Amino acid sequence: MEIQPPGRRAAQSTGAIVVVAGALMLVTSLAFLFGLVSDVAAGRRGLVTVLVMALVGVLLLVLGRKLLRWGSGDRG
């Protein structure tokens, strides 16, 4: 078992939380987009909001995965 510096452990913990938050945001925005949560057609402004929320969710997923990779010591 390899002992990691505190900064790497913190990055892994933060990365895991960011991945979960991004996944929840992405799934929620897609649910709104496909009408699974809301039956109301909010119009163009609502659609843009949901698409921006989905984009932020994807960005959080990517950032979280990078933090996890850095925290584990991978160079990829």
N, C-alpha and C. Protein backbone atom coordinates (compact mmCIF):
# COMPACT_ATOMS: atom_id res chain seq x y z
N MET A 1 0.84 -1.17 0.00
CA MET A 1 0.00 0.00 0.00
C MET A 1 0.88 1.24 0.00
N GLU A 2 0.61 2.12 -0.93
CA GLU A 2 1.43 3.32 -1.08
C GLU A 2 0.79 4.49 -0.31
N ILE A 3 1.59 5.19 0.47
CA ILE A 3 1.11 6.35 1.21
C ILE A 3 1.24 7.56 0.30
N GLN A 4 0.12 8.28 0.16
CA GLN A 4 0.10 9.45 -0.72
C GLN A 4 0.16 10.73 0.10
N PRO A 5 0.72 11.79 -0.49
CA PRO A 5 0.75 13.08 0.18
C PRO A 5 -0.68 13.60 0.42
N PRO A 6 -0.86 14.44 1.44
CA PRO A 6 -2.21 14.95 1.74
C PRO A 6 -2.85 15.69 0.57
N GLY A 7 -2.05 16.37 -0.23
CA GLY A 7 -2.61 17.10 -1.38
C GLY A 7 -3.24 16.17 -2.40
N ARG A 8 -2.63 15.03 -2.60
CA ARG A 8 -3.18 14.06 -3.56
C ARG A 8 -4.46 13.42 -3.02
N ARG A 9 -4.47 13.14 -1.72
CA ARG A 9 -5.69 12.56 -1.12
C ARG A 9 -6.83 13.57 -1.18
N ALA A 10 -6.51 14.84 -0.93
CA ALA A 10 -7.53 15.89 -1.01
C ALA A 10 -8.05 16.02 -2.44
N ALA A 11 -7.15 15.90 -3.42
CA ALA A 11 -7.57 15.98 -4.81
C ALA A 11 -8.49 14.81 -5.17
N GLN A 12 -8.17 13.63 -4.66
CA GLN A 12 -9.03 12.47 -4.92
C GLN A 12 -10.41 12.66 -4.29
N SER A 13 -10.44 13.14 -3.07
CA SER A 13 -11.73 13.37 -2.39
C SER A 13 -12.55 14.43 -3.11
N THR A 14 -11.89 15.54 -3.44
CA THR A 14 -12.57 16.61 -4.15
C THR A 14 -13.02 16.13 -5.52
N GLY A 15 -12.18 15.37 -6.21
CA GLY A 15 -12.54 14.85 -7.52
C GLY A 15 -13.76 13.95 -7.46
N ALA A 16 -13.84 13.12 -6.45
CA ALA A 16 -15.00 12.23 -6.32
C ALA A 16 -16.28 13.04 -6.09
N ILE A 17 -16.19 14.06 -5.26
CA ILE A 17 -17.37 14.90 -4.99
C ILE A 17 -17.77 15.67 -6.26
N VAL A 18 -16.80 16.18 -7.00
CA VAL A 18 -17.08 16.93 -8.22
C VAL A 18 -17.70 16.01 -9.27
N VAL A 19 -17.22 14.78 -9.38
CA VAL A 19 -17.79 13.84 -10.35
C VAL A 19 -19.25 13.55 -10.01
N VAL A 20 -19.53 13.31 -8.74
CA VAL A 20 -20.91 13.03 -8.33
C VAL A 20 -21.80 14.24 -8.59
N ALA A 21 -21.33 15.44 -8.26
CA ALA A 21 -22.12 16.65 -8.50
C ALA A 21 -22.36 16.86 -9.98
N GLY A 22 -21.34 16.65 -10.80
CA GLY A 22 -21.51 16.80 -12.25
C GLY A 22 -22.47 15.78 -12.82
N ALA A 23 -22.39 14.55 -12.34
CA ALA A 23 -23.29 13.51 -12.83
C ALA A 23 -24.74 13.83 -12.45
N LEU A 24 -24.94 14.27 -11.22
CA LEU A 24 -26.30 14.63 -10.80
C LEU A 24 -26.84 15.81 -11.61
N MET A 25 -25.99 16.80 -11.85
CA MET A 25 -26.43 17.95 -12.62
C MET A 25 -26.76 17.55 -14.06
N LEU A 26 -25.93 16.70 -14.65
CA LEU A 26 -26.16 16.26 -16.02
C LEU A 26 -27.44 15.44 -16.12
N VAL A 27 -27.63 14.51 -15.22
CA VAL A 27 -28.83 13.67 -15.26
C VAL A 27 -30.08 14.50 -15.03
N THR A 28 -30.02 15.44 -14.09
CA THR A 28 -31.18 16.30 -13.83
C THR A 28 -31.51 17.15 -15.04
N SER A 29 -30.49 17.72 -15.66
CA SER A 29 -30.76 18.58 -16.83
C SER A 29 -31.31 17.77 -17.99
N LEU A 30 -30.80 16.56 -18.18
CA LEU A 30 -31.33 15.72 -19.26
C LEU A 30 -32.76 15.28 -18.95
N ALA A 31 -33.05 15.04 -17.68
CA ALA A 31 -34.42 14.69 -17.31
C ALA A 31 -35.37 15.85 -17.62
N PHE A 32 -34.96 17.08 -17.30
CA PHE A 32 -35.77 18.23 -17.65
C PHE A 32 -35.90 18.35 -19.17
N LEU A 33 -34.81 18.13 -19.88
CA LEU A 33 -34.80 18.27 -21.32
C LEU A 33 -35.77 17.29 -21.98
N PHE A 34 -35.79 16.08 -21.51
CA PHE A 34 -36.67 15.07 -22.10
C PHE A 34 -38.06 15.04 -21.48
N GLY A 35 -38.34 15.95 -20.55
CA GLY A 35 -39.66 16.06 -19.99
C GLY A 35 -40.01 15.02 -18.96
N LEU A 36 -39.00 14.37 -18.37
CA LEU A 36 -39.28 13.35 -17.38
C LEU A 36 -39.64 13.96 -16.02
N VAL A 37 -39.10 15.14 -15.73
CA VAL A 37 -39.37 15.78 -14.46
C VAL A 37 -40.45 16.85 -14.61
N SER A 38 -40.38 17.61 -15.66
CA SER A 38 -41.30 18.73 -15.86
C SER A 38 -42.10 18.52 -17.14
N ASP A 39 -43.40 18.67 -17.04
CA ASP A 39 -44.26 18.54 -18.21
C ASP A 39 -44.47 19.88 -18.91
N VAL A 40 -43.95 20.93 -18.31
CA VAL A 40 -44.17 22.27 -18.83
C VAL A 40 -43.11 22.59 -19.88
N ALA A 41 -43.56 23.03 -21.04
CA ALA A 41 -42.63 23.50 -22.07
C ALA A 41 -42.30 24.96 -21.73
N ALA A 42 -41.12 25.18 -21.21
CA ALA A 42 -40.75 26.51 -20.69
C ALA A 42 -40.37 27.49 -21.80
N GLY A 43 -40.34 27.04 -23.00
CA GLY A 43 -39.99 27.93 -24.09
C GLY A 43 -38.49 27.99 -24.32
N ARG A 44 -38.07 28.95 -25.12
CA ARG A 44 -36.66 29.05 -25.52
C ARG A 44 -35.74 29.33 -24.34
N ARG A 45 -36.15 30.23 -23.45
CA ARG A 45 -35.29 30.58 -22.32
C ARG A 45 -35.07 29.38 -21.40
N GLY A 46 -36.12 28.61 -21.16
CA GLY A 46 -35.99 27.42 -20.33
C GLY A 46 -35.09 26.38 -20.97
N LEU A 47 -35.17 26.23 -22.28
CA LEU A 47 -34.34 25.27 -22.99
C LEU A 47 -32.87 25.66 -22.90
N VAL A 48 -32.59 26.95 -23.06
CA VAL A 48 -31.20 27.42 -22.97
C VAL A 48 -30.65 27.17 -21.56
N THR A 49 -31.46 27.42 -20.55
CA THR A 49 -31.04 27.19 -19.18
C THR A 49 -30.70 25.73 -18.94
N VAL A 50 -31.54 24.84 -19.44
CA VAL A 50 -31.31 23.41 -19.26
C VAL A 50 -30.06 22.97 -20.01
N LEU A 51 -29.85 23.48 -21.22
CA LEU A 51 -28.66 23.12 -21.98
C LEU A 51 -27.39 23.63 -21.32
N VAL A 52 -27.43 24.82 -20.75
CA VAL A 52 -26.27 25.35 -20.02
C VAL A 52 -26.00 24.50 -18.78
N MET A 53 -27.06 24.09 -18.11
CA MET A 53 -26.91 23.22 -16.94
C MET A 53 -26.27 21.89 -17.34
N ALA A 54 -26.67 21.34 -18.47
CA ALA A 54 -26.07 20.09 -18.95
C ALA A 54 -24.59 20.30 -19.28
N LEU A 55 -24.25 21.42 -19.90
CA LEU A 55 -22.86 21.71 -20.22
C LEU A 55 -22.01 21.85 -18.96
N VAL A 56 -22.54 22.52 -17.95
CA VAL A 56 -21.81 22.65 -16.68
C VAL A 56 -21.63 21.27 -16.05
N GLY A 57 -22.64 20.41 -16.14
CA GLY A 57 -22.52 19.06 -15.62
C GLY A 57 -21.41 18.28 -16.30
N VAL A 58 -21.31 18.40 -17.62
CA VAL A 58 -20.25 17.71 -18.36
C VAL A 58 -18.89 18.26 -17.96
N LEU A 59 -18.78 19.58 -17.85
CA LEU A 59 -17.51 20.19 -17.45
C LEU A 59 -17.10 19.74 -16.05
N LEU A 60 -18.06 19.62 -15.13
CA LEU A 60 -17.75 19.13 -13.79
C LEU A 60 -17.27 17.68 -13.83
N LEU A 61 -17.89 16.87 -14.68
CA LEU A 61 -17.45 15.48 -14.81
C LEU A 61 -16.00 15.41 -15.30
N VAL A 62 -15.68 16.21 -16.31
CA VAL A 62 -14.33 16.21 -16.86
C VAL A 62 -13.33 16.71 -15.82
N LEU A 63 -13.66 17.78 -15.13
CA LEU A 63 -12.77 18.32 -14.10
C LEU A 63 -12.58 17.31 -12.96
N GLY A 64 -13.65 16.67 -12.54
CA GLY A 64 -13.54 15.68 -11.48
C GLY A 64 -12.68 14.50 -11.87
N ARG A 65 -12.82 14.04 -13.12
CA ARG A 65 -12.00 12.92 -13.57
C ARG A 65 -10.52 13.32 -13.63
N LYS A 66 -10.25 14.55 -14.05
CA LYS A 66 -8.85 15.02 -14.06
C LYS A 66 -8.29 15.08 -12.65
N LEU A 67 -9.09 15.55 -11.70
CA LEU A 67 -8.64 15.59 -10.30
C LEU A 67 -8.38 14.18 -9.77
N LEU A 68 -9.26 13.25 -10.09
CA LEU A 68 -9.06 11.87 -9.65
C LEU A 68 -7.79 11.28 -10.25
N ARG A 69 -7.58 11.55 -11.53
CA ARG A 69 -6.39 11.04 -12.21
C ARG A 69 -5.13 11.64 -11.61
N TRP A 70 -5.15 12.95 -11.35
CA TRP A 70 -3.98 13.58 -10.74
C TRP A 70 -3.75 13.06 -9.34
N GLY A 71 -4.83 12.87 -8.59
CA GLY A 71 -4.70 12.39 -7.23
C GLY A 71 -4.16 10.98 -7.14
N SER A 72 -4.41 10.18 -8.18
CA SER A 72 -3.89 8.80 -8.15
C SER A 72 -2.47 8.72 -8.67
N GLY A 73 -1.94 9.80 -9.22
CA GLY A 73 -0.56 9.82 -9.69
C GLY A 73 -0.40 9.54 -11.16
N ASP A 74 -1.49 9.35 -11.90
CA ASP A 74 -1.39 9.12 -13.34
C ASP A 74 -0.99 10.42 -14.04
N ARG A 75 -0.32 10.26 -15.15
CA ARG A 75 0.12 11.45 -15.91
C ARG A 75 -0.76 11.72 -17.11
N GLY A 76 -1.86 10.97 -17.29
CA GLY A 76 -2.71 11.11 -18.48
C GLY A 76 -3.62 12.19 -18.44
